[in-house]
């Protein structure tokens, strides 16, 4: 287990040095849903502003449908 952990750390260091996953583009995403689907957008921030979905990642754990 210790050897595996050291190997993972070494791979992470190589990725950091070589700048793997340096994203230079983005993908436009869209979510299609009917009116009874809720939770597509996060709740407002504490200051009342709308939260922004970051890096085109949208968790689906908060989705719910009126029944």
PDB file of N, CA and C in Angstrom:
ATOM      1  N   UNK A   1       0.826  -1.196   0.000  1.00  0.00           N
ATOM      2  CA  UNK A   1       0.000   0.000   0.000  1.00  0.00           C
ATOM      3  C   UNK A   1       0.871   1.262   0.000  1.00  0.00           C
ATOM      4  N   UNK A   2       1.958   1.247   0.742  1.00  0.00           N
ATOM      5  CA  UNK A   2       2.856   2.402   0.804  1.00  0.00           C
ATOM      6  C   UNK A   2       3.489   2.642  -0.560  1.00  0.00           C
ATOM      7  N   UNK A   3       3.888   1.564  -1.231  1.00  0.00           N
ATOM      8  CA  UNK A   3       4.501   1.698  -2.553  1.00  0.00           C
ATOM      9  C   UNK A   3       3.509   2.293  -3.541  1.00  0.00           C
ATOM     10  N   UNK A   4       2.277   1.834  -3.493  1.00  0.00           N
ATOM     11  CA  UNK A   4       1.246   2.358  -4.392  1.00  0.00           C
ATOM     12  C   UNK A   4       1.030   3.847  -4.160  1.00  0.00           C
ATOM     13  N   UNK A   5       0.959   4.266  -2.910  1.00  0.00           N
ATOM     14  CA  UNK A   5       0.766   5.676  -2.583  1.00  0.00           C
ATOM     15  C   UNK A   5       1.917   6.515  -3.139  1.00  0.00           C
ATOM     16  N   UNK A   6       3.155   6.025  -2.977  1.00  0.00           N
ATOM     17  CA  UNK A   6       4.320   6.742  -3.508  1.00  0.00           C
ATOM     18  C   UNK A   6       4.262   6.834  -5.036  1.00  0.00           C
ATOM     19  N   UNK A   7       3.815   5.772  -5.690  1.00  0.00           N
ATOM     20  CA  UNK A   7       3.715   5.781  -7.151  1.00  0.00           C
ATOM     21  C   UNK A   7       2.654   6.785  -7.618  1.00  0.00           C
ATOM     22  N   UNK A   8       1.505   6.831  -6.932  1.00  0.00           N
ATOM     23  CA  UNK A   8       0.475   7.804  -7.279  1.00  0.00           C
ATOM     24  C   UNK A   8       0.992   9.229  -7.099  1.00  0.00           C
ATOM     25  N   UNK A   9       1.731   9.461  -6.034  1.00  0.00           N
ATOM     26  CA  UNK A   9       2.289  10.791  -5.804  1.00  0.00           C
ATOM     27  C   UNK A   9       3.277  11.162  -6.897  1.00  0.00           C
ATOM     28  N   UNK A  10       4.075  10.211  -7.340  1.00  0.00           N
ATOM     29  CA  UNK A  10       5.047  10.474  -8.409  1.00  0.00           C
ATOM     30  C   UNK A  10       4.325  10.811  -9.721  1.00  0.00           C
ATOM     31  N   UNK A  11       3.284  10.069 -10.032  1.00  0.00           N
ATOM     32  CA  UNK A  11       2.510  10.361 -11.250  1.00  0.00           C
ATOM     33  C   UNK A  11       1.906  11.763 -11.163  1.00  0.00           C
ATOM     34  N   UNK A  12       1.385  12.136 -10.012  1.00  0.00           N
ATOM     35  CA  UNK A  12       0.811  13.475  -9.838  1.00  0.00           C
ATOM     36  C   UNK A  12       1.869  14.560 -10.041  1.00  0.00           C
ATOM     37  N   UNK A  13       3.072  14.315  -9.550  1.00  0.00           N
ATOM     38  CA  UNK A  13       4.156  15.286  -9.741  1.00  0.00           C
ATOM     39  C   UNK A  13       4.515  15.427 -11.217  1.00  0.00           C
ATOM     40  N   UNK A  14       4.562  14.310 -11.928  1.00  0.00           N
ATOM     41  CA  UNK A  14       4.869  14.360 -13.368  1.00  0.00           C
ATOM     42  C   UNK A  14       3.777  15.122 -14.100  1.00  0.00           C
ATOM     43  N   UNK A  15       2.502  14.850 -13.787  1.00  0.00           N
ATOM     44  CA  UNK A  15       1.408  15.584 -14.417  1.00  0.00           C
ATOM     45  C   UNK A  15       1.542  17.080 -14.154  1.00  0.00           C
ATOM     46  N   UNK A  16       1.899  17.455 -12.928  1.00  0.00           N
ATOM     47  CA  UNK A  16       2.037  18.869 -12.585  1.00  0.00           C
ATOM     48  C   UNK A  16       3.183  19.504 -13.366  1.00  0.00           C
ATOM     49  N   UNK A  17       4.282  18.812 -13.505  1.00  0.00           N
ATOM     50  CA  UNK A  17       5.440  19.350 -14.226  1.00  0.00           C
ATOM     51  C   UNK A  17       5.167  19.467 -15.726  1.00  0.00           C
ATOM     52  N   UNK A  18       4.457  18.503 -16.279  1.00  0.00           N
ATOM     53  CA  UNK A  18       4.213  18.458 -17.722  1.00  0.00           C
ATOM     54  C   UNK A  18       2.946  19.196 -18.137  1.00  0.00           C
ATOM     55  N   UNK A  19       2.203  19.714 -17.171  1.00  0.00           N
ATOM     56  CA  UNK A  19       0.979  20.481 -17.417  1.00  0.00           C
ATOM     57  C   UNK A  19      -0.073  19.671 -18.171  1.00  0.00           C
ATOM     58  N   UNK A  20      -0.241  18.414 -17.790  1.00  0.00           N
ATOM     59  CA  UNK A  20      -1.332  17.625 -18.353  1.00  0.00           C
ATOM     60  C   UNK A  20      -2.652  18.249 -17.905  1.00  0.00           C
ATOM     61  N   UNK A  21      -3.664  18.077 -18.695  1.00  0.00           N
ATOM     62  CA  UNK A  21      -4.994  18.605 -18.395  1.00  0.00           C
ATOM     63  C   UNK A  21      -5.031  20.120 -18.348  1.00  0.00           C
ATOM     64  N   UNK A  22      -4.233  20.759 -19.156  1.00  0.00           N
ATOM     65  CA  UNK A  22      -4.302  22.206 -19.279  1.00  0.00           C
ATOM     66  C   UNK A  22      -5.377  22.498 -20.324  1.00  0.00           C
ATOM     67  N   UNK A  23      -6.553  22.855 -19.869  1.00  0.00           N
ATOM     68  CA  UNK A  23      -7.689  23.035 -20.762  1.00  0.00           C
ATOM     69  C   UNK A  23      -7.599  24.384 -21.441  1.00  0.00           C
ATOM     70  N   UNK A  24      -7.691  24.378 -22.751  1.00  0.00           N
ATOM     71  CA  UNK A  24      -7.629  25.614 -23.523  1.00  0.00           C
ATOM     72  C   UNK A  24      -8.909  25.798 -24.343  1.00  0.00           C
ATOM     73  N   UNK A  25      -9.951  25.096 -23.987  1.00  0.00           N
ATOM     74  CA  UNK A  25     -11.226  25.206 -24.684  1.00  0.00           C
ATOM     75  C   UNK A  25     -12.346  24.904 -23.698  1.00  0.00           C
ATOM     76  N   UNK A  26     -13.537  25.087 -24.127  1.00  0.00           N
ATOM     77  CA  UNK A  26     -14.674  24.765 -23.287  1.00  0.00           C
ATOM     78  C   UNK A  26     -15.764  24.158 -24.150  1.00  0.00           C
ATOM     79  N   UNK A  27     -16.687  23.536 -23.507  1.00  0.00           N
ATOM     80  CA  UNK A  27     -17.815  22.923 -24.190  1.00  0.00           C
ATOM     81  C   UNK A  27     -19.084  23.609 -23.705  1.00  0.00           C
ATOM     82  N   UNK A  28     -19.929  23.970 -24.636  1.00  0.00           N
ATOM     83  CA  UNK A  28     -21.198  24.574 -24.274  1.00  0.00           C
ATOM     84  C   UNK A  28     -22.167  23.450 -23.932  1.00  0.00           C
ATOM     85  N   UNK A  29     -22.751  23.550 -22.746  1.00  0.00           N
ATOM     86  CA  UNK A  29     -23.680  22.533 -22.276  1.00  0.00           C
ATOM     87  C   UNK A  29     -25.091  23.108 -22.218  1.00  0.00           C
ATOM     88  N   UNK A  30     -26.053  22.234 -22.315  1.00  0.00           N
ATOM     89  CA  UNK A  30     -27.443  22.632 -22.155  1.00  0.00           C
ATOM     90  C   UNK A  30     -28.170  21.517 -21.410  1.00  0.00           C
ATOM     91  N   UNK A  31     -29.164  21.913 -20.633  1.00  0.00           N
ATOM     92  CA  UNK A  31     -29.982  20.953 -19.911  1.00  0.00           C
ATOM     93  C   UNK A  31     -31.417  21.140 -20.369  1.00  0.00           C
ATOM     94  N   UNK A  32     -31.968  20.113 -20.941  1.00  0.00           N
ATOM     95  CA  UNK A  32     -33.363  20.171 -21.370  1.00  0.00           C
ATOM     96  C   UNK A  32     -34.206  19.426 -20.343  1.00  0.00           C
ATOM     97  N   UNK A  33     -35.278  20.058 -19.921  1.00  0.00           N
ATOM     98  CA  UNK A  33     -36.144  19.416 -18.936  1.00  0.00           C
ATOM     99  C   UNK A  33     -37.537  20.012 -19.031  1.00  0.00           C
ATOM    100  N   UNK A  34     -38.506  19.240 -18.596  1.00  0.00           N
ATOM    101  CA  UNK A  34     -39.866  19.756 -18.555  1.00  0.00           C
ATOM    102  C   UNK A  34     -40.047  20.640 -17.324  1.00  0.00           C
ATOM    103  N   UNK A  35     -41.167  21.333 -17.259  1.00  0.00           N
ATOM    104  CA  UNK A  35     -41.410  22.299 -16.186  1.00  0.00           C
ATOM    105  C   UNK A  35     -41.497  21.667 -14.800  1.00  0.00           C
ATOM    106  N   UNK A  36     -41.755  20.359 -14.722  1.00  0.00           N
ATOM    107  CA  UNK A  36     -41.881  19.749 -13.402  1.00  0.00           C
ATOM    108  C   UNK A  36     -40.548  19.229 -12.841  1.00  0.00           C
ATOM    109  N   UNK A  37     -39.444  19.450 -13.557  1.00  0.00           N
ATOM    110  CA  UNK A  37     -38.121  19.067 -13.064  1.00  0.00           C
ATOM    111  C   UNK A  37     -37.522  20.258 -12.335  1.00  0.00           C
ATOM    112  N   UNK A  38     -37.099  20.033 -11.101  1.00  0.00           N
ATOM    113  CA  UNK A  38     -36.537  21.099 -10.277  1.00  0.00           C
ATOM    114  C   UNK A  38     -35.125  20.726  -9.854  1.00  0.00           C
ATOM    115  N   UNK A  39     -34.355  21.714  -9.460  1.00  0.00           N
ATOM    116  CA  UNK A  39     -33.007  21.461  -8.971  1.00  0.00           C
ATOM    117  C   UNK A  39     -31.934  21.538 -10.033  1.00  0.00           C
ATOM    118  N   UNK A  40     -32.281  22.063 -11.222  1.00  0.00           N
ATOM    119  CA  UNK A  40     -31.263  22.185 -12.269  1.00  0.00           C
ATOM    120  C   UNK A  40     -30.228  23.254 -11.930  1.00  0.00           C
ATOM    121  N   UNK A  41     -30.613  24.229 -11.150  1.00  0.00           N
ATOM    122  CA  UNK A  41     -29.699  25.300 -10.781  1.00  0.00           C
ATOM    123  C   UNK A  41     -29.509  25.291  -9.273  1.00  0.00           C
ATOM    124  N   UNK A  42     -28.313  25.598  -8.824  1.00  0.00           N
ATOM    125  CA  UNK A  42     -28.082  25.616  -7.375  1.00  0.00           C
ATOM    126  C   UNK A  42     -28.872  26.731  -6.708  1.00  0.00           C
ATOM    127  N   UNK A  43     -29.076  26.645  -5.399  1.00  0.00           N
ATOM    128  CA  UNK A  43     -29.805  27.694  -4.691  1.00  0.00           C
ATOM    129  C   UNK A  43     -29.027  29.004  -4.717  1.00  0.00           C
ATOM    130  N   UNK A  44     -29.697  30.128  -4.458  1.00  0.00           N
ATOM    131  CA  UNK A  44     -29.003  31.424  -4.452  1.00  0.00           C
ATOM    132  C   UNK A  44     -27.893  31.448  -3.396  1.00  0.00           C
ATOM    133  N   UNK A  45     -26.898  32.261  -3.632  1.00  0.00           N
ATOM    134  CA  UNK A  45     -25.811  32.448  -2.683  1.00  0.00           C
ATOM    135  C   UNK A  45     -26.312  33.237  -1.480  1.00  0.00           C
ATOM    136  N   UNK A  46     -25.582  33.223  -0.372  1.00  0.00           N
ATOM    137  CA  UNK A  46     -26.031  33.942   0.827  1.00  0.00           C
ATOM    138  C   UNK A  46     -26.301  35.427   0.598  1.00  0.00           C
ATOM    139  N   UNK A  47     -25.617  36.046  -0.364  1.00  0.00           N
ATOM    140  CA  UNK A  47     -25.852  37.468  -0.617  1.00  0.00           C
ATOM    141  C   UNK A  47     -27.027  37.705  -1.570  1.00  0.00           C
ATOM    142  N   UNK A  48     -27.726  36.629  -1.966  1.00  0.00           N
ATOM    143  CA  UNK A  48     -28.903  36.753  -2.811  1.00  0.00           C
ATOM    144  C   UNK A  48     -28.638  36.623  -4.301  1.00  0.00           C
ATOM    145  N   UNK A  49     -27.383  36.625  -4.707  1.00  0.00           N
ATOM    146  CA  UNK A  49     -27.066  36.493  -6.130  1.00  0.00           C
ATOM    147  C   UNK A  49     -27.273  35.052  -6.577  1.00  0.00           C
ATOM    148  N   UNK A  50     -27.557  34.889  -7.865  1.00  0.00           N
ATOM    149  CA  UNK A  50     -27.703  33.552  -8.417  1.00  0.00           C
ATOM    150  C   UNK A  50     -26.347  32.858  -8.435  1.00  0.00           C
ATOM    151  N   UNK A  51     -26.324  31.587  -8.055  1.00  0.00           N
ATOM    152  CA  UNK A  51     -25.102  30.803  -8.127  1.00  0.00           C
ATOM    153  C   UNK A  51     -24.833  30.453  -9.585  1.00  0.00           C
ATOM    154  N   UNK A  52     -23.586  30.270  -9.915  1.00  0.00           N
ATOM    155  CA  UNK A  52     -23.173  29.951 -11.274  1.00  0.00           C
ATOM    156  C   UNK A  52     -22.675  28.511 -11.305  1.00  0.00           C
ATOM    157  N   UNK A  53     -23.060  27.779 -12.330  1.00  0.00           N
ATOM    158  CA  UNK A  53     -22.553  26.424 -12.506  1.00  0.00           C
ATOM    159  C   UNK A  53     -21.134  26.557 -13.046  1.00  0.00           C
ATOM    160  N   UNK A  54     -20.175  25.989 -12.346  1.00  0.00           N
ATOM    161  CA  UNK A  54     -18.767  26.158 -12.675  1.00  0.00           C
ATOM    162  C   UNK A  54     -18.258  24.988 -13.513  1.00  0.00           C
ATOM    163  N   UNK A  55     -17.508  25.304 -14.554  1.00  0.00           N
ATOM    164  CA  UNK A  55     -16.799  24.308 -15.366  1.00  0.00           C
ATOM    165  C   UNK A  55     -17.726  23.276 -15.976  1.00  0.00           C
ATOM    166  N   UNK A  56     -18.932  23.684 -16.328  1.00  0.00           N
ATOM    167  CA  UNK A  56     -19.883  22.795 -16.997  1.00  0.00           C
ATOM    168  C   UNK A  56     -20.153  21.516 -16.219  1.00  0.00           C
ATOM    169  N   UNK A  57     -20.081  21.608 -14.913  1.00  0.00           N
ATOM    170  CA  UNK A  57     -20.353  20.442 -14.081  1.00  0.00           C
ATOM    171  C   UNK A  57     -21.651  20.687 -13.331  1.00  0.00           C
ATOM    172  N   UNK A  58     -22.569  19.788 -13.477  1.00  0.00           N
ATOM    173  CA  UNK A  58     -23.841  19.931 -12.794  1.00  0.00           C
ATOM    174  C   UNK A  58     -24.163  18.620 -12.098  1.00  0.00           C
ATOM    175  N   UNK A  59     -24.107  18.593 -10.777  1.00  0.00           N
ATOM    176  CA  UNK A  59     -24.479  17.354 -10.096  1.00  0.00           C
ATOM    177  C   UNK A  59     -25.969  17.077 -10.275  1.00  0.00           C
ATOM    178  N   UNK A  60     -26.324  15.827 -10.342  1.00  0.00           N
ATOM    179  CA  UNK A  60     -27.727  15.463 -10.531  1.00  0.00           C
ATOM    180  C   UNK A  60     -28.372  15.000  -9.230  1.00  0.00           C
ATOM    181  N   UNK A  61     -27.636  15.052  -8.134  1.00  0.00           N
ATOM    182  CA  UNK A  61     -28.179  14.558  -6.875  1.00  0.00           C
ATOM    183  C   UNK A  61     -29.299  15.420  -6.338  1.00  0.00           C
ATOM    184  N   UNK A  62     -29.392  16.682  -6.757  1.00  0.00           N
ATOM    185  CA  UNK A  62     -30.429  17.558  -6.243  1.00  0.00           C
ATOM    186  C   UNK A  62     -31.641  17.675  -7.136  1.00  0.00           C
ATOM    187  N   UNK A  63     -31.713  16.898  -8.191  1.00  0.00           N
ATOM    188  CA  UNK A  63     -32.863  16.975  -9.104  1.00  0.00           C
ATOM    189  C   UNK A  63     -34.076  16.281  -8.497  1.00  0.00           C
ATOM    190  N   UNK A  64     -35.235  16.849  -8.724  1.00  0.00           N
ATOM    191  CA  UNK A  64     -36.477  16.234  -8.266  1.00  0.00           C
ATOM    192  C   UNK A  64     -37.616  16.634  -9.190  1.00  0.00           C
ATOM    193  N   UNK A  65     -38.661  15.813  -9.199  1.00  0.00           N
ATOM    194  CA  UNK A  65     -39.809  16.009 -10.097  1.00  0.00           C
ATOM    195  C   UNK A  65     -41.067  16.070  -9.257  1.00  0.00           C
ATOM    196  N   UNK A  66     -41.963  17.009  -9.594  1.00  0.00           N
ATOM    197  CA  UNK A  66     -43.282  17.063  -8.949  1.00  0.00           C
ATOM    198  C   UNK A  66     -44.034  15.787  -9.292  1.00  0.00           C
ATOM    199  N   UNK A  67     -44.709  15.244  -8.274  1.00  0.00           N
ATOM    200  CA  UNK A  67     -45.499  14.030  -8.552  1.00  0.00           C
ATOM    201  C   UNK A  67     -46.868  14.145  -7.963  1.00  0.00           C
TER     202      UNK A  67
END
